[in-house]
Amino acid sequence: MRKYLAALTATAALVGGGTLVGVAGATPAAASNTCNLYAKESTIGVGNAGSSVERAQCEVNYDMRYHSGYQAIAEDGKFGSKTRAAAQAFQACVGLTTDGIVGPNTWSWLDAYYMEGSSC
């Protein structure tokens, strides 16, 4: 239930071009690393590159940091097979369709976990 409420809160906080402006009760200090929250939240998948991919890689690494068997991926801004597998692992953890594409639903969950400092 906590995960569901966090995702709803993050979804409600999204405005404009997908910029997360705030989550009730969360502060930037809740996250111990610094993912570029200003990178655009585009729908991304294998073959994409850039700041949106780097942000997704950073957030997946942070959100999955204590998940049994998860190995951090490179935050190189290139969406390849390892990033796809990491996205699928996160999607499975939160109950989303495991397509390995980081779209609006996956971004909402990634942002919610990151902003509240949670781990999947």
N, C-alpha and C. Protein backbone atom coordinates (compact mmCIF):
# COMPACT_ATOMS: atom_id res chain seq x y z
N MET A 1 0.82 -1.19 0.00
CA MET A 1 0.00 0.00 0.00
C MET A 1 0.87 1.26 0.00
N ARG A 2 1.98 1.23 0.77
CA ARG A 2 2.88 2.38 0.83
C ARG A 2 3.44 2.70 -0.54
N LYS A 3 3.82 1.64 -1.29
CA LYS A 3 4.36 1.84 -2.63
C LYS A 3 3.32 2.46 -3.54
N TYR A 4 2.09 1.98 -3.45
CA TYR A 4 1.00 2.49 -4.28
C TYR A 4 0.75 3.96 -3.99
N LEU A 5 0.70 4.33 -2.71
CA LEU A 5 0.47 5.72 -2.34
C LEU A 5 1.62 6.61 -2.79
N ALA A 6 2.83 6.11 -2.70
CA ALA A 6 3.98 6.90 -3.13
C ALA A 6 3.91 7.17 -4.63
N ALA A 7 3.52 6.16 -5.39
CA ALA A 7 3.41 6.34 -6.84
C ALA A 7 2.30 7.31 -7.19
N LEU A 8 1.18 7.23 -6.48
CA LEU A 8 0.09 8.16 -6.73
C LEU A 8 0.51 9.59 -6.40
N THR A 9 1.24 9.75 -5.33
CA THR A 9 1.70 11.07 -4.94
C THR A 9 2.64 11.63 -6.00
N ALA A 10 3.56 10.80 -6.49
CA ALA A 10 4.49 11.26 -7.52
C ALA A 10 3.76 11.57 -8.81
N THR A 11 2.79 10.76 -9.16
CA THR A 11 2.02 11.00 -10.38
C THR A 11 1.29 12.33 -10.26
N ALA A 12 0.70 12.60 -9.12
CA ALA A 12 -0.01 13.85 -8.91
C ALA A 12 0.93 15.05 -8.95
N ALA A 13 2.19 14.83 -8.63
CA ALA A 13 3.16 15.93 -8.59
C ALA A 13 3.74 16.25 -9.96
N LEU A 14 3.49 15.42 -10.95
CA LEU A 14 4.03 15.67 -12.28
C LEU A 14 3.23 16.76 -12.98
N VAL A 15 3.94 17.72 -13.54
CA VAL A 15 3.28 18.81 -14.24
C VAL A 15 4.02 19.11 -15.53
N GLY A 16 3.37 19.82 -16.43
CA GLY A 16 4.02 20.27 -17.65
C GLY A 16 4.65 19.15 -18.43
N GLY A 17 5.92 19.27 -18.75
CA GLY A 17 6.65 18.31 -19.57
C GLY A 17 7.19 17.15 -18.78
N GLY A 18 6.57 16.81 -17.69
CA GLY A 18 7.03 15.66 -16.93
C GLY A 18 8.06 16.00 -15.88
N THR A 19 8.07 17.21 -15.42
CA THR A 19 9.02 17.61 -14.39
C THR A 19 8.41 17.38 -13.03
N LEU A 20 9.12 16.70 -12.18
CA LEU A 20 8.64 16.45 -10.83
C LEU A 20 8.94 17.68 -10.00
N VAL A 21 7.88 18.34 -9.53
CA VAL A 21 8.08 19.56 -8.77
C VAL A 21 8.08 19.34 -7.28
N GLY A 22 7.52 18.27 -6.81
CA GLY A 22 7.54 18.03 -5.38
C GLY A 22 6.65 16.89 -4.99
N VAL A 23 7.03 16.20 -3.94
CA VAL A 23 6.25 15.12 -3.37
C VAL A 23 6.06 15.46 -1.91
N ALA A 24 4.82 15.42 -1.46
CA ALA A 24 4.52 15.78 -0.07
C ALA A 24 5.39 14.97 0.88
N GLY A 25 6.04 15.67 1.77
CA GLY A 25 6.85 15.00 2.79
C GLY A 25 8.25 14.62 2.33
N ALA A 26 8.55 14.79 1.05
CA ALA A 26 9.87 14.42 0.56
C ALA A 26 10.69 15.67 0.27
N THR A 27 11.96 15.56 0.49
CA THR A 27 12.86 16.66 0.17
C THR A 27 13.99 16.08 -0.66
N PRO A 28 14.70 16.91 -1.40
CA PRO A 28 15.84 16.40 -2.14
C PRO A 28 16.84 15.67 -1.25
N ALA A 29 16.90 16.03 0.01
CA ALA A 29 17.83 15.37 0.93
C ALA A 29 17.44 13.93 1.21
N ALA A 30 16.20 13.54 0.86
CA ALA A 30 15.76 12.17 1.09
C ALA A 30 16.55 11.20 0.23
N ALA A 31 17.09 11.66 -0.87
CA ALA A 31 17.88 10.82 -1.75
C ALA A 31 19.35 11.02 -1.44
N SER A 32 20.09 9.91 -1.35
CA SER A 32 21.49 10.02 -0.96
C SER A 32 22.41 10.23 -2.15
N ASN A 33 21.95 9.99 -3.35
CA ASN A 33 22.77 10.29 -4.51
C ASN A 33 22.09 11.38 -5.31
N THR A 34 22.71 11.84 -6.37
CA THR A 34 22.13 12.96 -7.10
C THR A 34 21.88 12.58 -8.55
N CYS A 35 20.68 12.17 -8.84
CA CYS A 35 20.25 11.94 -10.21
C CYS A 35 19.77 13.27 -10.75
N ASN A 36 19.96 13.50 -12.03
CA ASN A 36 19.58 14.76 -12.65
C ASN A 36 18.07 14.82 -12.82
N LEU A 37 17.37 15.34 -11.83
CA LEU A 37 15.91 15.40 -11.87
C LEU A 37 15.40 16.41 -12.89
N TYR A 38 16.29 17.18 -13.50
CA TYR A 38 15.87 18.15 -14.50
C TYR A 38 15.90 17.59 -15.92
N ALA A 39 16.45 16.39 -16.08
CA ALA A 39 16.44 15.76 -17.40
C ALA A 39 15.01 15.44 -17.78
N LYS A 40 14.67 15.63 -19.03
CA LYS A 40 13.31 15.38 -19.51
C LYS A 40 12.94 13.92 -19.36
N GLU A 41 11.72 13.66 -18.96
CA GLU A 41 11.23 12.30 -18.80
C GLU A 41 10.56 11.83 -20.09
N SER A 42 11.37 11.50 -21.07
CA SER A 42 10.87 10.97 -22.33
C SER A 42 10.64 9.48 -22.18
N THR A 43 9.78 8.91 -23.02
CA THR A 43 9.66 7.46 -23.09
C THR A 43 10.91 6.97 -23.80
N ILE A 44 11.64 6.07 -23.12
CA ILE A 44 12.92 5.62 -23.64
C ILE A 44 13.01 4.10 -23.62
N GLY A 45 13.82 3.58 -24.51
CA GLY A 45 14.05 2.14 -24.60
C GLY A 45 15.37 1.88 -25.29
N VAL A 46 15.61 0.61 -25.62
CA VAL A 46 16.86 0.21 -26.25
C VAL A 46 17.13 1.06 -27.49
N GLY A 47 18.35 1.57 -27.57
CA GLY A 47 18.76 2.40 -28.69
C GLY A 47 18.75 3.89 -28.39
N ASN A 48 18.03 4.29 -27.35
CA ASN A 48 18.02 5.71 -26.98
C ASN A 48 19.29 6.07 -26.22
N ALA A 49 19.62 7.34 -26.23
CA ALA A 49 20.79 7.84 -25.50
C ALA A 49 20.52 9.27 -25.06
N GLY A 50 21.23 9.68 -24.03
CA GLY A 50 21.14 11.06 -23.57
C GLY A 50 20.83 11.19 -22.10
N SER A 51 20.47 12.41 -21.71
CA SER A 51 20.28 12.72 -20.29
C SER A 51 19.08 11.99 -19.68
N SER A 52 18.03 11.74 -20.46
CA SER A 52 16.88 10.99 -19.93
C SER A 52 17.29 9.57 -19.58
N VAL A 53 18.12 8.97 -20.42
CA VAL A 53 18.60 7.61 -20.16
C VAL A 53 19.50 7.59 -18.94
N GLU A 54 20.39 8.56 -18.85
CA GLU A 54 21.29 8.64 -17.69
C GLU A 54 20.49 8.80 -16.40
N ARG A 55 19.45 9.62 -16.45
CA ARG A 55 18.60 9.81 -15.27
C ARG A 55 17.91 8.51 -14.89
N ALA A 56 17.36 7.80 -15.88
CA ALA A 56 16.69 6.53 -15.59
C ALA A 56 17.68 5.52 -15.00
N GLN A 57 18.87 5.45 -15.55
CA GLN A 57 19.89 4.54 -15.03
C GLN A 57 20.22 4.87 -13.58
N CYS A 58 20.37 6.14 -13.29
CA CYS A 58 20.69 6.59 -11.94
C CYS A 58 19.57 6.23 -10.98
N GLU A 59 18.33 6.51 -11.37
CA GLU A 59 17.20 6.24 -10.48
C GLU A 59 16.99 4.74 -10.29
N VAL A 60 17.15 3.95 -11.34
CA VAL A 60 17.01 2.50 -11.19
C VAL A 60 18.08 1.98 -10.24
N ASN A 61 19.32 2.42 -10.42
CA ASN A 61 20.39 1.98 -9.51
C ASN A 61 20.06 2.33 -8.06
N TYR A 62 19.57 3.54 -7.84
CA TYR A 62 19.24 3.97 -6.49
C TYR A 62 18.05 3.19 -5.94
N ASP A 63 17.01 3.06 -6.74
CA ASP A 63 15.77 2.42 -6.28
C ASP A 63 15.93 0.92 -6.06
N MET A 64 16.90 0.31 -6.72
CA MET A 64 17.10 -1.14 -6.61
C MET A 64 18.32 -1.50 -5.76
N ARG A 65 18.92 -0.51 -5.09
CA ARG A 65 20.20 -0.71 -4.42
C ARG A 65 20.22 -1.83 -3.38
N TYR A 66 19.11 -2.16 -2.77
CA TYR A 66 19.09 -3.22 -1.77
C TYR A 66 18.35 -4.46 -2.25
N HIS A 67 17.94 -4.47 -3.51
CA HIS A 67 17.19 -5.61 -4.05
C HIS A 67 18.14 -6.79 -4.23
N SER A 68 17.75 -7.93 -3.70
CA SER A 68 18.59 -9.12 -3.76
C SER A 68 18.96 -9.48 -5.19
N GLY A 69 20.25 -9.59 -5.44
CA GLY A 69 20.75 -10.00 -6.74
C GLY A 69 20.92 -8.88 -7.75
N TYR A 70 20.47 -7.66 -7.43
CA TYR A 70 20.60 -6.56 -8.38
C TYR A 70 22.04 -6.08 -8.44
N GLN A 71 22.56 -5.93 -9.65
CA GLN A 71 23.90 -5.37 -9.85
C GLN A 71 23.75 -4.05 -10.59
N ALA A 72 24.31 -3.02 -10.04
CA ALA A 72 24.20 -1.68 -10.62
C ALA A 72 24.69 -1.67 -12.06
N ILE A 73 24.03 -0.83 -12.86
CA ILE A 73 24.40 -0.69 -14.27
C ILE A 73 25.18 0.61 -14.44
N ALA A 74 25.89 0.71 -15.55
CA ALA A 74 26.63 1.94 -15.86
C ALA A 74 25.64 3.07 -16.11
N GLU A 75 25.95 4.23 -15.59
CA GLU A 75 25.13 5.43 -15.82
C GLU A 75 25.79 6.24 -16.93
N ASP A 76 25.78 5.64 -18.12
CA ASP A 76 26.50 6.20 -19.26
C ASP A 76 25.60 6.89 -20.28
N GLY A 77 24.30 6.91 -20.03
CA GLY A 77 23.38 7.56 -20.94
C GLY A 77 23.07 6.78 -22.20
N LYS A 78 23.45 5.50 -22.24
CA LYS A 78 23.19 4.65 -23.40
C LYS A 78 22.26 3.52 -22.98
N PHE A 79 21.08 3.44 -23.62
CA PHE A 79 20.07 2.44 -23.25
C PHE A 79 20.32 1.17 -24.06
N GLY A 80 20.99 0.22 -23.41
CA GLY A 80 21.29 -1.06 -24.04
C GLY A 80 20.59 -2.20 -23.30
N SER A 81 21.07 -3.40 -23.52
CA SER A 81 20.44 -4.59 -22.94
C SER A 81 20.51 -4.61 -21.41
N LYS A 82 21.59 -4.10 -20.82
CA LYS A 82 21.70 -4.09 -19.35
C LYS A 82 20.73 -3.09 -18.74
N THR A 83 20.55 -1.95 -19.38
CA THR A 83 19.58 -0.96 -18.89
C THR A 83 18.18 -1.52 -19.03
N ARG A 84 17.91 -2.20 -20.13
CA ARG A 84 16.58 -2.82 -20.33
C ARG A 84 16.31 -3.85 -19.23
N ALA A 85 17.30 -4.70 -18.94
CA ALA A 85 17.13 -5.71 -17.89
C ALA A 85 16.91 -5.06 -16.52
N ALA A 86 17.64 -3.97 -16.25
CA ALA A 86 17.47 -3.26 -14.98
C ALA A 86 16.08 -2.64 -14.89
N ALA A 87 15.61 -2.05 -16.00
CA ALA A 87 14.26 -1.48 -16.02
C ALA A 87 13.22 -2.57 -15.79
N GLN A 88 13.41 -3.73 -16.40
CA GLN A 88 12.48 -4.85 -16.22
C GLN A 88 12.48 -5.33 -14.77
N ALA A 89 13.64 -5.38 -14.15
CA ALA A 89 13.72 -5.81 -12.75
C ALA A 89 12.95 -4.84 -11.86
N PHE A 90 13.11 -3.54 -12.11
CA PHE A 90 12.38 -2.54 -11.33
C PHE A 90 10.88 -2.66 -11.59
N GLN A 91 10.49 -2.79 -12.85
CA GLN A 91 9.08 -2.91 -13.18
C GLN A 91 8.46 -4.13 -12.50
N ALA A 92 9.17 -5.25 -12.49
CA ALA A 92 8.66 -6.45 -11.82
C ALA A 92 8.51 -6.21 -10.32
N CYS A 93 9.46 -5.50 -9.74
CA CYS A 93 9.45 -5.24 -8.31
C CYS A 93 8.23 -4.43 -7.88
N VAL A 94 7.80 -3.49 -8.73
CA VAL A 94 6.66 -2.63 -8.36
C VAL A 94 5.35 -3.09 -8.99
N GLY A 95 5.38 -4.19 -9.75
CA GLY A 95 4.15 -4.74 -10.29
C GLY A 95 3.69 -4.16 -11.62
N LEU A 96 4.61 -3.56 -12.37
CA LEU A 96 4.28 -3.03 -13.69
C LEU A 96 4.54 -4.10 -14.76
N THR A 97 4.02 -3.87 -15.96
CA THR A 97 4.34 -4.72 -17.09
C THR A 97 5.84 -4.63 -17.33
N THR A 98 6.49 -5.78 -17.48
CA THR A 98 7.95 -5.80 -17.59
C THR A 98 8.39 -5.76 -19.06
N ASP A 99 8.16 -4.61 -19.68
CA ASP A 99 8.53 -4.45 -21.08
C ASP A 99 9.91 -3.84 -21.27
N GLY A 100 10.53 -3.34 -20.19
CA GLY A 100 11.85 -2.74 -20.29
C GLY A 100 11.87 -1.36 -20.90
N ILE A 101 10.69 -0.81 -21.16
CA ILE A 101 10.58 0.56 -21.69
C ILE A 101 10.26 1.48 -20.52
N VAL A 102 10.97 2.58 -20.43
CA VAL A 102 10.73 3.53 -19.35
C VAL A 102 9.81 4.62 -19.91
N GLY A 103 8.53 4.46 -19.62
CA GLY A 103 7.50 5.41 -20.04
C GLY A 103 6.89 6.09 -18.82
N PRO A 104 5.74 6.73 -18.98
CA PRO A 104 5.13 7.51 -17.89
C PRO A 104 4.90 6.72 -16.59
N ASN A 105 4.41 5.50 -16.67
CA ASN A 105 4.16 4.73 -15.45
C ASN A 105 5.46 4.38 -14.73
N THR A 106 6.44 3.93 -15.49
CA THR A 106 7.73 3.58 -14.88
C THR A 106 8.40 4.82 -14.30
N TRP A 107 8.35 5.94 -15.02
CA TRP A 107 8.92 7.18 -14.49
C TRP A 107 8.26 7.55 -13.16
N SER A 108 6.93 7.42 -13.08
CA SER A 108 6.23 7.78 -11.85
C SER A 108 6.74 6.96 -10.67
N TRP A 109 6.89 5.66 -10.88
CA TRP A 109 7.39 4.80 -9.81
C TRP A 109 8.85 5.10 -9.48
N LEU A 110 9.69 5.27 -10.51
CA LEU A 110 11.09 5.61 -10.27
C LEU A 110 11.21 6.88 -9.44
N ASP A 111 10.47 7.90 -9.84
CA ASP A 111 10.52 9.19 -9.13
C ASP A 111 10.02 9.06 -7.70
N ALA A 112 8.94 8.32 -7.50
CA ALA A 112 8.37 8.16 -6.17
C ALA A 112 9.39 7.51 -5.23
N TYR A 113 10.00 6.43 -5.68
CA TYR A 113 10.99 5.74 -4.84
C TYR A 113 12.19 6.63 -4.59
N TYR A 114 12.66 7.29 -5.63
CA TYR A 114 13.84 8.13 -5.49
C TYR A 114 13.59 9.28 -4.52
N MET A 115 12.46 9.97 -4.69
CA MET A 115 12.17 11.14 -3.86
C MET A 115 11.91 10.77 -2.40
N GLU A 116 11.35 9.61 -2.16
CA GLU A 116 11.12 9.24 -0.75
C GLU A 116 12.30 8.48 -0.15
N GLY A 117 13.31 8.20 -0.97
CA GLY A 117 14.50 7.51 -0.47
C GLY A 117 14.29 6.04 -0.25
N SER A 118 13.31 5.46 -0.94
CA SER A 118 12.99 4.04 -0.77
C SER A 118 13.81 3.16 -1.69
N SER A 119 13.78 1.89 -1.40
CA SER A 119 14.42 0.89 -2.24
C SER A 119 13.41 -0.22 -2.50
N CYS A 120 13.44 -0.72 -3.71
CA CYS A 120 12.53 -1.78 -4.09
C CYS A 120 12.97 -3.11 -3.51
